[in-house]
Amino acid sequence: MKATQKDFKTVAPRAVREARVFFLCGPDEAGIHDAAHLIVSLLPDPGERIELSGADLRKDPVRLGDEARSTSLFGGTRHIWVRASGDEAHEAIETLLAGEAEPCPVIVLAASATDKSRSAKLLAGRSDALVGMFYPPDLRSVTTAVRDMADAAGVPLGGDLAERIARAAALDTRIAASEVNKLALYLDASPQAPRRADAAALDAIGATTEDDGLMPLVNAVLSGEVKKVPGELRRMRELGLNPVGLLLAFERRVAQLAQLAAKIGPRGDIDAVIEAERVFFKDRRDIGQQLRKWRGPRLARLVDRLIGLHRALLANSQQAELLLAQGLTEIARHAAPRK
């Protein structure tokens, strides 16, 4: 079976009944994370979670099958949660499928893989497996997801506030969910006692919102604020975000710059176009500053540099954090004012 984020919620209930292996891949790490939790929530009795890494399974491919067919210490059910990079778990999955006894559910989160990877091809044609491919989300879909989260938490949001949270979270639904939970806590809201959120409530928790988001790093790099970059990279490592997922935040901002630059033209008024395109007010200063640095051939070279960096991260997952830090520092230096 195969699915994408467009039909995953429809396919998932049937897949949980029929499949034992779930391979979730693609560049949208937050979407993969949400899908994995949805699968677990749909299991009749998820039981104990056993967590394994792709690196562990690459060293010992037999371990996955052994764990999937053994019983819980207390005799209950279990499911296995594997965090892998690329095709690290391919041999382990192949060994698992060769076994005779039915395994417990195995969920593989492989953000650096695609539906063209060896693992995905191994599973896509099987009725007892599901391959989910998750592409980067757009603002509209994340805004809708934020509104759904808020409704479930008892803090109904208007479209403008939901969009504001989506933008602040750099379209990462995990960060957005954290903001919704903070908002519910601040308002003392619950599904049983809902309280409608407003801009004042969001402003009240906003002091920590930026610290939790990705945009401080994106803005530091693209605005050439070289001294801020090491601290922001350290903060991102502490949050445990996948380097490829972090790079996607840069790709989304650069895509936005490219769209605006095309409307501005070689001699257009940057501020007027930003105003006409209704850029989110908190982003206007940063985007204006970045458009003055990245235009024309320079912007095209930045796009090529990000594409090359993305490929490098996927090809060398073990060194992904180092490669990302080096690449972003180089971009920040190019953007820095010339002395």
Foldseek 3Di string as FASTA:
>chain_A
DEEELVCLVVCLLVLLVAAQEEEEEEQQLLSLVVSVVVNCVNHPDAPAEAEDELQVCLVPLCVVLVVQPDADPVRDHHEYEYEYEECSNQSSVVNNVPDDDDGHHYYYRYHLYACPGPNNVVAVVDRHYYYYYYYQDDLVVQLVVLQVLLLQAQAHEDSVVSSVLCVLQLNRNVLSNVLSVVLCVQVVGGNVRHDYDDPVSSVVPVVCSNVSHLVVLLLLLLQLVLVCNVVSLVSVVVVVDQLSNSLVSNVVLLVVLVVLLVVQDPPRDSLVSCVVVVPPPVCSVSSSSSNVQQHDPNSVVVNVLSVVLSVVCSVCVVCNSVSSSVSSSVSSNSNHDDD
